Protein backbone atom coordinates (compact mmCIF):
# COMPACT_ATOMS: atom_id res chain seq x y z
CA UNK A 1 -48.19 -139.92 -112.75
CA UNK A 2 -49.04 -138.30 -116.05
CA UNK A 3 -51.39 -135.36 -116.54
CA UNK A 4 -54.19 -137.49 -118.07
CA UNK A 5 -54.23 -139.91 -115.11
CA UNK A 6 -54.30 -137.02 -112.65
CA UNK A 7 -57.21 -135.45 -114.56
CA UNK A 8 -59.22 -138.69 -114.35
CA UNK A 9 -58.50 -139.06 -110.62
CA UNK A 10 -59.55 -135.47 -109.91
CA UNK A 11 -62.69 -135.88 -112.02
CA UNK A 12 -63.64 -139.05 -110.13
CA UNK A 13 -63.07 -137.36 -106.76
CA UNK A 14 -65.09 -134.31 -107.79
CA UNK A 15 -67.93 -136.49 -109.08
CA UNK A 16 -68.26 -138.35 -105.80
CA UNK A 17 -68.56 -135.10 -103.81
CA UNK A 18 -71.22 -133.55 -106.02
CA UNK A 19 -74.89 -133.45 -105.15
CA UNK A 20 -77.44 -135.90 -106.48
CA UNK A 21 -79.09 -134.44 -109.57
CA UNK A 22 -82.80 -135.12 -110.04
CA UNK A 23 -84.63 -133.64 -113.03
CA UNK A 24 -81.97 -130.95 -113.41
CA UNK A 25 -81.97 -130.01 -109.71
CA UNK A 26 -78.73 -130.44 -107.77
CA UNK A 27 -79.86 -131.76 -104.40
CA UNK A 28 -77.27 -131.09 -101.67
CA UNK A 29 -75.75 -134.15 -100.00
CA UNK A 30 -76.24 -132.76 -96.51
CA UNK A 31 -78.25 -130.27 -94.49
CA UNK A 32 -77.82 -128.67 -91.08
CA UNK A 33 -80.86 -128.94 -88.80
CA UNK A 34 -80.64 -127.57 -85.26
CA UNK A 35 -76.86 -127.92 -85.34
CA UNK A 36 -76.95 -131.53 -86.55
CA UNK A 37 -75.45 -132.46 -89.91
CA UNK A 38 -77.95 -134.64 -91.78
CA UNK A 39 -77.27 -136.76 -94.87
CA UNK A 40 -79.37 -136.99 -97.98
CA UNK A 41 -81.35 -140.21 -97.69
CA UNK A 42 -82.90 -139.94 -101.15
CA UNK A 43 -84.63 -137.57 -103.55
CA UNK A 44 -87.19 -137.82 -106.30
CA UNK A 45 -89.47 -135.92 -108.62
CA UNK A 46 -93.11 -135.10 -107.83
CA UNK A 47 -95.21 -135.03 -110.95
CA UNK A 48 -98.86 -134.28 -111.50
CA UNK A 49 -100.95 -135.39 -114.46
CA UNK A 50 -97.93 -137.27 -115.87
CA UNK A 51 -96.47 -134.27 -117.71
CA UNK A 52 -96.21 -131.58 -115.01
CA UNK A 53 -93.02 -131.64 -112.95
CA UNK A 54 -93.98 -129.96 -109.67
CA UNK A 55 -90.95 -130.26 -107.38
CA UNK A 56 -87.98 -132.37 -106.41
CA UNK A 57 -88.18 -133.58 -102.80
CA UNK A 58 -85.14 -134.54 -100.75
CA UNK A 59 -85.19 -136.33 -97.40
CA UNK A 60 -82.40 -135.68 -94.89
CA UNK A 61 -81.72 -137.89 -91.86
CA UNK A 62 -78.97 -138.40 -89.26
CA UNK A 63 -78.18 -141.68 -91.04
CA UNK A 64 -79.66 -143.39 -94.08
CA UNK A 65 -82.77 -145.52 -93.62
CA UNK A 66 -85.32 -147.31 -95.77
CA UNK A 67 -87.79 -147.76 -92.90
CA UNK A 68 -90.60 -145.26 -93.49
CA UNK A 69 -92.32 -145.96 -90.15
CA UNK A 70 -89.09 -145.45 -88.19
CA UNK A 71 -88.48 -142.16 -90.01
CA UNK A 72 -92.04 -140.96 -89.41
CA UNK A 73 -91.92 -141.82 -85.70
CA UNK A 74 -88.36 -140.73 -85.00
CA UNK A 75 -87.59 -137.93 -82.55
CA UNK A 76 -84.26 -137.22 -84.26
CA UNK A 77 -83.81 -134.18 -86.53
CA UNK A 78 -85.03 -134.64 -90.09
CA UNK A 79 -85.69 -132.39 -93.07
CA UNK A 80 -87.73 -132.51 -96.23
CA UNK A 81 -86.61 -130.01 -98.86
CA UNK A 82 -88.82 -129.15 -101.82
CA UNK A 83 -87.10 -127.65 -104.86
CA UNK A 84 -89.81 -126.10 -107.03
CA UNK A 85 -89.81 -127.06 -110.71
CA UNK A 86 -92.71 -124.77 -111.61
CA UNK A 87 -94.69 -121.82 -110.32
CA UNK A 88 -97.45 -122.75 -107.92
CA UNK A 89 -100.00 -120.47 -106.29
CA UNK A 90 -100.38 -120.60 -102.52
CA UNK A 91 -103.93 -121.94 -102.59
CA UNK A 92 -102.96 -124.91 -104.75
CA UNK A 93 -99.95 -125.61 -102.53
CA UNK A 94 -102.05 -125.49 -99.32
CA UNK A 95 -104.67 -127.73 -100.92
CA UNK A 96 -102.00 -130.31 -101.76
CA UNK A 97 -100.72 -130.31 -98.15
CA UNK A 98 -104.28 -130.73 -96.85
CA UNK A 99 -104.89 -133.59 -99.27
CA UNK A 100 -101.68 -135.31 -98.13
CA UNK A 101 -102.67 -134.95 -94.48
CA UNK A 102 -106.24 -136.14 -95.09
CA UNK A 103 -104.96 -139.18 -97.02
CA UNK A 104 -102.73 -140.27 -94.14
CA UNK A 105 -104.58 -139.27 -90.95
CA UNK A 106 -107.94 -140.30 -89.55
CA UNK A 107 -110.56 -137.75 -88.50
CA UNK A 108 -109.53 -137.74 -84.83
CA UNK A 109 -105.87 -137.12 -85.73
CA UNK A 110 -106.87 -134.28 -88.06
CA UNK A 111 -109.08 -132.79 -85.34
CA UNK A 112 -106.27 -132.98 -82.76
CA UNK A 113 -103.89 -131.23 -85.18
CA UNK A 114 -106.35 -128.53 -86.26
CA UNK A 115 -104.49 -125.65 -84.49
CA UNK A 116 -101.15 -126.69 -86.02
CA UNK A 117 -102.69 -127.11 -89.47
CA UNK A 118 -104.21 -123.64 -89.14
CA UNK A 119 -100.79 -122.23 -88.21
CA UNK A 120 -99.24 -123.94 -91.24
CA UNK A 121 -101.98 -122.47 -93.44
CA UNK A 122 -101.13 -119.00 -92.08
CA UNK A 123 -97.46 -119.55 -92.92
CA UNK A 124 -98.25 -120.68 -96.46
CA UNK A 125 -100.65 -117.75 -96.78
CA UNK A 126 -97.77 -115.39 -95.96
CA UNK A 127 -95.58 -117.09 -98.55
CA UNK A 128 -98.20 -116.67 -101.24
CA UNK A 129 -97.08 -118.32 -104.42
CA UNK A 130 -93.94 -120.38 -104.93
CA UNK A 131 -91.84 -119.86 -108.02
CA UNK A 132 -89.73 -122.18 -110.10
CA UNK A 133 -86.34 -122.43 -108.39
CA UNK A 134 -87.67 -121.70 -104.87
CA UNK A 135 -86.62 -124.04 -102.06
CA UNK A 136 -89.04 -124.77 -99.23
CA UNK A 137 -87.58 -126.63 -96.24
CA UNK A 138 -89.51 -128.36 -93.49
CA UNK A 139 -86.99 -128.98 -90.70
CA UNK A 140 -88.12 -131.28 -87.91
CA UNK A 141 -86.30 -130.88 -84.57
CA UNK A 142 -86.87 -130.13 -80.90
CA UNK A 143 -90.60 -130.91 -81.05
CA UNK A 144 -91.36 -128.44 -83.83
CA UNK A 145 -91.29 -127.92 -87.57
CA UNK A 146 -89.40 -124.91 -88.88
CA UNK A 147 -90.56 -123.67 -92.27
CA UNK A 148 -87.88 -121.97 -94.37
CA UNK A 149 -88.21 -120.45 -97.83
CA UNK A 150 -85.02 -119.86 -99.80
CA UNK A 151 -82.98 -119.88 -96.60
CA UNK A 152 -85.23 -117.42 -94.76
CA UNK A 153 -86.97 -118.80 -91.67
CA UNK A 154 -90.68 -118.03 -91.76
CA UNK A 155 -91.78 -119.50 -88.44
CA UNK A 156 -92.28 -122.85 -86.79
CA UNK A 157 -95.21 -125.08 -85.93
CA UNK A 158 -95.09 -126.90 -82.59
CA UNK A 159 -95.78 -130.55 -81.99
CA UNK A 160 -94.16 -133.91 -82.62
CA UNK A 161 -97.49 -135.25 -83.86
CA UNK A 162 -97.47 -132.53 -86.52
CA UNK A 163 -93.95 -133.52 -87.54
CA UNK A 164 -95.04 -137.11 -88.09
CA UNK A 165 -98.19 -136.01 -89.90
CA UNK A 166 -96.23 -133.85 -92.33
CA UNK A 167 -93.67 -136.56 -93.06
CA UNK A 168 -96.54 -138.98 -93.79
CA UNK A 169 -97.48 -136.78 -96.77
CA UNK A 170 -94.46 -138.29 -98.56
CA UNK A 171 -93.70 -141.47 -96.59
CA UNK A 172 -97.10 -142.56 -95.24
CA UNK A 173 -99.38 -145.39 -96.36
CA UNK A 174 -100.96 -143.07 -98.96
CA UNK A 175 -97.97 -140.99 -100.10
CA UNK A 176 -98.17 -138.09 -102.51
CA UNK A 177 -96.62 -140.42 -105.08
CA UNK A 178 -95.40 -144.02 -104.69
CA UNK A 179 -92.23 -143.69 -106.76
CA UNK A 180 -91.36 -140.43 -104.99
CA UNK A 181 -91.65 -142.24 -101.63
CA UNK A 182 -89.35 -144.99 -102.89
CA UNK A 183 -86.82 -142.42 -104.18
CA UNK A 184 -86.84 -140.51 -100.88
CA UNK A 185 -86.24 -143.80 -99.06
CA UNK A 186 -83.28 -144.44 -101.36
CA UNK A 187 -84.88 -147.49 -102.95
């Protein structure tokens, strides 16, 4: 085997092991949640007002799926990772989460989740602003949602209903962005 052939083989092998790149962000192929190795299901870019790239979102699951309802209602570990593409103040970030929840839950569901939403607001309040390059992970396992910023665990919010509600922000009937939902579902 000559040197050129070996170089092409090594390049092909290296390329297949690399992360998916979305809008300049290398999204890891896997994530560990509660000791379970999850695979990247899909990732896409969240934009606002057409020109503003806000974040890249990656969805991690035990195995790939295109069934949004099954993912939302699953009791298996899952993760949504947000890779910030721009600076965002805490108030704007909290408002976007509230909007996503309100778009996908009815009043009684919102009322039932009020204590968990308040806890999430406290966590985001502690975070303050997010900067370009920050990574915010929402890891869903064992009946709770662990919130991690740049690898540092902030706290968790209890409740399987809250897990489903948060996932609906991106995969629900009224997702944050239709093409982002499709990308996260690997479509």
